[in-house]
């Protein structure tokens, strides 16, 4: 089973997630997290997440996750052509998003502090692929695929 969720939001780096004390999220991180959770709660995304939750059996399945982060060309590339520093390191934008989509701590919270996400530990992700692409605007595509734990 595979479901695709499109979030019309900007990627957010874990480097900008916490204040200096490393215990509190920045205002920007709180706003971004709330935006992701509100987007996950939209009718079409809520339905897809529910289908995945109902099908997934932790004794039989794992998740394959493909993340595609779209950036406007002027953000992804410098004027000279190489990748811009404004385009974030992929590993830094994966974790904040994965946590919001997967972790049980967000499942029972009211919007905008939570959403009916996958409600399962992200340890069940055994395959993770991330890509940066040029897009007309900022956007994130999250492909969630349930695979057999022990394929034959």
C-alpha atoms as a PDB file:
ATOM      1  CA  UNK A   1       0.000   0.000   0.000  1.00  0.00           C
ATOM      2  CA  UNK A   2       1.302   3.439  -0.949  1.00  0.00           C
ATOM      3  CA  UNK A   3      -0.091   6.913  -0.300  1.00  0.00           C
ATOM      4  CA  UNK A   4       1.219  10.301  -1.424  1.00  0.00           C
ATOM      5  CA  UNK A   5       0.752  13.429   0.668  1.00  0.00           C
ATOM      6  CA  UNK A   6       1.569  16.844  -0.792  1.00  0.00           C
ATOM      7  CA  UNK A   7       2.273  19.693   1.601  1.00  0.00           C
ATOM      8  CA  UNK A   8       2.391  23.169   0.090  1.00  0.00           C
ATOM      9  CA  UNK A   9       4.893  24.315   2.683  1.00  0.00           C
ATOM     10  CA  UNK A  10       8.540  25.237   2.905  1.00  0.00           C
ATOM     11  CA  UNK A  11      11.054  22.691   4.249  1.00  0.00           C
ATOM     12  CA  UNK A  12      12.366  23.522   7.727  1.00  0.00           C
ATOM     13  CA  UNK A  13      15.842  22.720   9.024  1.00  0.00           C
ATOM     14  CA  UNK A  14      16.370  21.124  12.407  1.00  0.00           C
ATOM     15  CA  UNK A  15      19.226  23.647  12.836  1.00  0.00           C
ATOM     16  CA  UNK A  16      16.584  26.391  13.216  1.00  0.00           C
ATOM     17  CA  UNK A  17      14.265  24.278  15.371  1.00  0.00           C
ATOM     18  CA  UNK A  18      15.476  25.079  18.890  1.00  0.00           C
ATOM     19  CA  UNK A  19      16.447  28.124  20.914  1.00  0.00           C
ATOM     20  CA  UNK A  20      19.940  28.401  22.351  1.00  0.00           C
ATOM     21  CA  UNK A  21      18.948  26.406  25.435  1.00  0.00           C
ATOM     22  CA  UNK A  22      18.097  23.444  23.094  1.00  0.00           C
ATOM     23  CA  UNK A  23      14.956  22.744  25.163  1.00  0.00           C
ATOM     24  CA  UNK A  24      12.443  25.123  23.584  1.00  0.00           C
ATOM     25  CA  UNK A  25      11.350  25.401  19.972  1.00  0.00           C
ATOM     26  CA  UNK A  26      11.765  28.733  18.216  1.00  0.00           C
ATOM     27  CA  UNK A  27       8.627  30.664  17.257  1.00  0.00           C
ATOM     28  CA  UNK A  28       9.368  29.859  13.589  1.00  0.00           C
ATOM     29  CA  UNK A  29       9.621  26.130  14.390  1.00  0.00           C
ATOM     30  CA  UNK A  30       6.342  26.205  16.323  1.00  0.00           C
ATOM     31  CA  UNK A  31       4.596  27.960  13.421  1.00  0.00           C
ATOM     32  CA  UNK A  32       6.047  25.540  10.846  1.00  0.00           C
ATOM     33  CA  UNK A  33       5.084  22.497  12.944  1.00  0.00           C
ATOM     34  CA  UNK A  34       1.544  23.835  13.351  1.00  0.00           C
ATOM     35  CA  UNK A  35       1.301  24.408   9.573  1.00  0.00           C
ATOM     36  CA  UNK A  36       2.379  20.814   8.858  1.00  0.00           C
ATOM     37  CA  UNK A  37      -0.057  19.404  11.431  1.00  0.00           C
ATOM     38  CA  UNK A  38      -2.938  21.497  10.023  1.00  0.00           C
ATOM     39  CA  UNK A  39      -2.069  20.246   6.510  1.00  0.00           C
ATOM     40  CA  UNK A  40      -2.023  16.631   7.747  1.00  0.00           C
ATOM     41  CA  UNK A  41      -5.495  17.191   9.224  1.00  0.00           C
ATOM     42  CA  UNK A  42      -6.979  18.194   5.847  1.00  0.00           C
ATOM     43  CA  UNK A  43      -9.686  15.794   4.701  1.00  0.00           C
ATOM     44  CA  UNK A  44      -7.715  14.169   1.860  1.00  0.00           C
ATOM     45  CA  UNK A  45      -4.582  13.697   4.004  1.00  0.00           C
ATOM     46  CA  UNK A  46      -6.546  12.519   7.029  1.00  0.00           C
ATOM     47  CA  UNK A  47      -8.123   9.786   4.871  1.00  0.00           C
ATOM     48  CA  UNK A  48      -4.756   8.612   3.501  1.00  0.00           C
ATOM     49  CA  UNK A  49      -3.186   8.502   6.969  1.00  0.00           C
ATOM     50  CA  UNK A  50      -6.145   6.554   8.338  1.00  0.00           C
ATOM     51  CA  UNK A  51      -5.863   3.979   5.523  1.00  0.00           C
ATOM     52  CA  UNK A  52      -2.168   3.518   6.290  1.00  0.00           C
ATOM     53  CA  UNK A  53      -2.792   3.205  10.051  1.00  0.00           C
ATOM     54  CA  UNK A  54      -5.484   0.595   9.503  1.00  0.00           C
ATOM     55  CA  UNK A  55      -3.397  -1.503   7.108  1.00  0.00           C
ATOM     56  CA  UNK A  56      -0.071  -1.358   8.975  1.00  0.00           C
ATOM     57  CA  UNK A  57       0.805  -4.239  11.303  1.00  0.00           C
ATOM     58  CA  UNK A  58       4.105  -3.719  13.177  1.00  0.00           C
ATOM     59  CA  UNK A  59       4.620  -7.485  13.304  1.00  0.00           C
ATOM     60  CA  UNK A  60       4.371  -7.804   9.514  1.00  0.00           C
ATOM     61  CA  UNK A  61       5.266  -4.440   7.976  1.00  0.00           C
ATOM     62  CA  UNK A  62       7.801  -1.634   7.663  1.00  0.00           C
ATOM     63  CA  UNK A  63       7.632   1.769   6.001  1.00  0.00           C
ATOM     64  CA  UNK A  64       9.444   2.969   2.921  1.00  0.00           C
ATOM     65  CA  UNK A  65       9.429   6.767   2.860  1.00  0.00           C
ATOM     66  CA  UNK A  66      10.313   9.000  -0.079  1.00  0.00           C
ATOM     67  CA  UNK A  67      10.577  12.731   0.580  1.00  0.00           C
ATOM     68  CA  UNK A  68      10.863  15.277  -2.214  1.00  0.00           C
ATOM     69  CA  UNK A  69      11.524  18.877  -1.225  1.00  0.00           C
ATOM     70  CA  UNK A  70      10.746  21.432  -3.930  1.00  0.00           C
ATOM     71  CA  UNK A  71      12.470  24.816  -3.909  1.00  0.00           C
ATOM     72  CA  UNK A  72      12.092  27.754  -6.286  1.00  0.00           C
ATOM     73  CA  UNK A  73      15.088  27.862  -8.640  1.00  0.00           C
ATOM     74  CA  UNK A  74      16.423  31.104  -7.132  1.00  0.00           C
ATOM     75  CA  UNK A  75      16.537  29.405  -3.700  1.00  0.00           C
ATOM     76  CA  UNK A  76      17.916  26.005  -4.759  1.00  0.00           C
ATOM     77  CA  UNK A  77      20.653  27.463  -6.965  1.00  0.00           C
ATOM     78  CA  UNK A  78      22.911  30.496  -6.743  1.00  0.00           C
ATOM     79  CA  UNK A  79      23.084  32.940  -9.657  1.00  0.00           C
ATOM     80  CA  UNK A  80      26.292  31.155 -10.725  1.00  0.00           C
ATOM     81  CA  UNK A  81      24.516  27.776 -10.814  1.00  0.00           C
ATOM     82  CA  UNK A  82      25.708  25.634  -7.871  1.00  0.00           C
ATOM     83  CA  UNK A  83      23.444  24.556  -5.021  1.00  0.00           C
ATOM     84  CA  UNK A  84      22.707  27.413  -2.669  1.00  0.00           C
ATOM     85  CA  UNK A  85      23.265  27.320   1.101  1.00  0.00           C
ATOM     86  CA  UNK A  86      19.617  28.449   1.415  1.00  0.00           C
ATOM     87  CA  UNK A  87      18.470  25.021   0.188  1.00  0.00           C
ATOM     88  CA  UNK A  88      19.148  23.192   3.517  1.00  0.00           C
ATOM     89  CA  UNK A  89      21.015  19.940   4.063  1.00  0.00           C
ATOM     90  CA  UNK A  90      18.633  17.084   3.300  1.00  0.00           C
ATOM     91  CA  UNK A  91      19.327  15.255   6.551  1.00  0.00           C
ATOM     92  CA  UNK A  92      18.401  18.428   8.471  1.00  0.00           C
ATOM     93  CA  UNK A  93      14.934  18.730   6.897  1.00  0.00           C
ATOM     94  CA  UNK A  94      14.015  15.041   7.120  1.00  0.00           C
ATOM     95  CA  UNK A  95      13.738  14.582  10.900  1.00  0.00           C
ATOM     96  CA  UNK A  96      11.354  17.439  11.799  1.00  0.00           C
ATOM     97  CA  UNK A  97       8.932  16.298   9.079  1.00  0.00           C
ATOM     98  CA  UNK A  98       9.216  12.574   9.872  1.00  0.00           C
ATOM     99  CA  UNK A  99       8.454  13.245  13.547  1.00  0.00           C
ATOM    100  CA  UNK A 100       5.252  15.151  12.746  1.00  0.00           C
ATOM    101  CA  UNK A 101       4.025  12.523  10.280  1.00  0.00           C
ATOM    102  CA  UNK A 102       4.819   9.512  12.471  1.00  0.00           C
ATOM    103  CA  UNK A 103       5.133  10.098  16.210  1.00  0.00           C
ATOM    104  CA  UNK A 104       2.308   9.189  18.619  1.00  0.00           C
ATOM    105  CA  UNK A 105       2.909  12.304  20.721  1.00  0.00           C
ATOM    106  CA  UNK A 106       1.065  14.381  18.083  1.00  0.00           C
ATOM    107  CA  UNK A 107      -1.845  11.971  17.512  1.00  0.00           C
ATOM    108  CA  UNK A 108      -4.262  12.984  20.289  1.00  0.00           C
ATOM    109  CA  UNK A 109      -3.409  16.671  20.514  1.00  0.00           C
ATOM    110  CA  UNK A 110      -5.941  19.208  19.230  1.00  0.00           C
ATOM    111  CA  UNK A 111      -5.197  21.209  16.082  1.00  0.00           C
ATOM    112  CA  UNK A 112      -2.874  23.058  15.485  1.00  0.00           C
ATOM    113  CA  UNK A 113      -0.728  21.188  18.039  1.00  0.00           C
ATOM    114  CA  UNK A 114      -1.523  17.733  16.729  1.00  0.00           C
ATOM    115  CA  UNK A 115      -3.122  15.679  13.967  1.00  0.00           C
ATOM    116  CA  UNK A 116      -4.291  12.121  13.357  1.00  0.00           C
ATOM    117  CA  UNK A 117      -0.895  11.169  11.949  1.00  0.00           C
ATOM    118  CA  UNK A 118       0.478   7.603  11.560  1.00  0.00           C
ATOM    119  CA  UNK A 119       0.682   7.256  15.363  1.00  0.00           C
ATOM    120  CA  UNK A 120       3.686   4.928  15.329  1.00  0.00           C
ATOM    121  CA  UNK A 121       7.375   5.106  16.179  1.00  0.00           C
ATOM    122  CA  UNK A 122       9.504   6.132  13.214  1.00  0.00           C
ATOM    123  CA  UNK A 123      11.791   3.150  13.931  1.00  0.00           C
ATOM    124  CA  UNK A 124       9.541   1.291  11.455  1.00  0.00           C
ATOM    125  CA  UNK A 125      11.076   3.292   8.609  1.00  0.00           C
ATOM    126  CA  UNK A 126      13.609   0.932   7.051  1.00  0.00           C
ATOM    127  CA  UNK A 127      14.056   2.773   3.774  1.00  0.00           C
ATOM    128  CA  UNK A 128      14.299   6.562   3.466  1.00  0.00           C
ATOM    129  CA  UNK A 129      15.031   8.473   0.271  1.00  0.00           C
ATOM    130  CA  UNK A 130      15.184  12.273   0.103  1.00  0.00           C
ATOM    131  CA  UNK A 131      15.554  14.567  -2.873  1.00  0.00           C
ATOM    132  CA  UNK A 132      15.773  18.303  -3.558  1.00  0.00           C
ATOM    133  CA  UNK A 133      14.131  19.495  -6.765  1.00  0.00           C
ATOM    134  CA  UNK A 134      13.346  22.742  -8.519  1.00  0.00           C
ATOM    135  CA  UNK A 135       9.678  23.687  -8.295  1.00  0.00           C
ATOM    136  CA  UNK A 136       7.500  26.683  -9.052  1.00  0.00           C
ATOM    137  CA  UNK A 137       7.099  27.175  -5.312  1.00  0.00           C
ATOM    138  CA  UNK A 138       8.029  25.535  -2.017  1.00  0.00           C
ATOM    139  CA  UNK A 139       6.368  22.148  -1.638  1.00  0.00           C
ATOM    140  CA  UNK A 140       7.002  18.805   0.067  1.00  0.00           C
ATOM    141  CA  UNK A 141       5.855  15.451  -1.306  1.00  0.00           C
ATOM    142  CA  UNK A 142       5.730  12.589   1.184  1.00  0.00           C
ATOM    143  CA  UNK A 143       5.358   9.099  -0.256  1.00  0.00           C
ATOM    144  CA  UNK A 144       4.521   6.512   2.414  1.00  0.00           C
ATOM    145  CA  UNK A 145       4.666   2.890   1.370  1.00  0.00           C
ATOM    146  CA  UNK A 146       3.964  -0.129   3.562  1.00  0.00           C
ATOM    147  CA  UNK A 147       6.245  -3.050   2.719  1.00  0.00           C
ATOM    148  CA  UNK A 148       6.489  -6.583   4.058  1.00  0.00           C
ATOM    149  CA  UNK A 149       8.858  -6.947   6.998  1.00  0.00           C
ATOM    150  CA  UNK A 150      10.308 -10.142   5.547  1.00  0.00           C
ATOM    151  CA  UNK A 151       9.725 -10.110   1.778  1.00  0.00           C
ATOM    152  CA  UNK A 152       9.789 -13.516   0.097  1.00  0.00           C
END
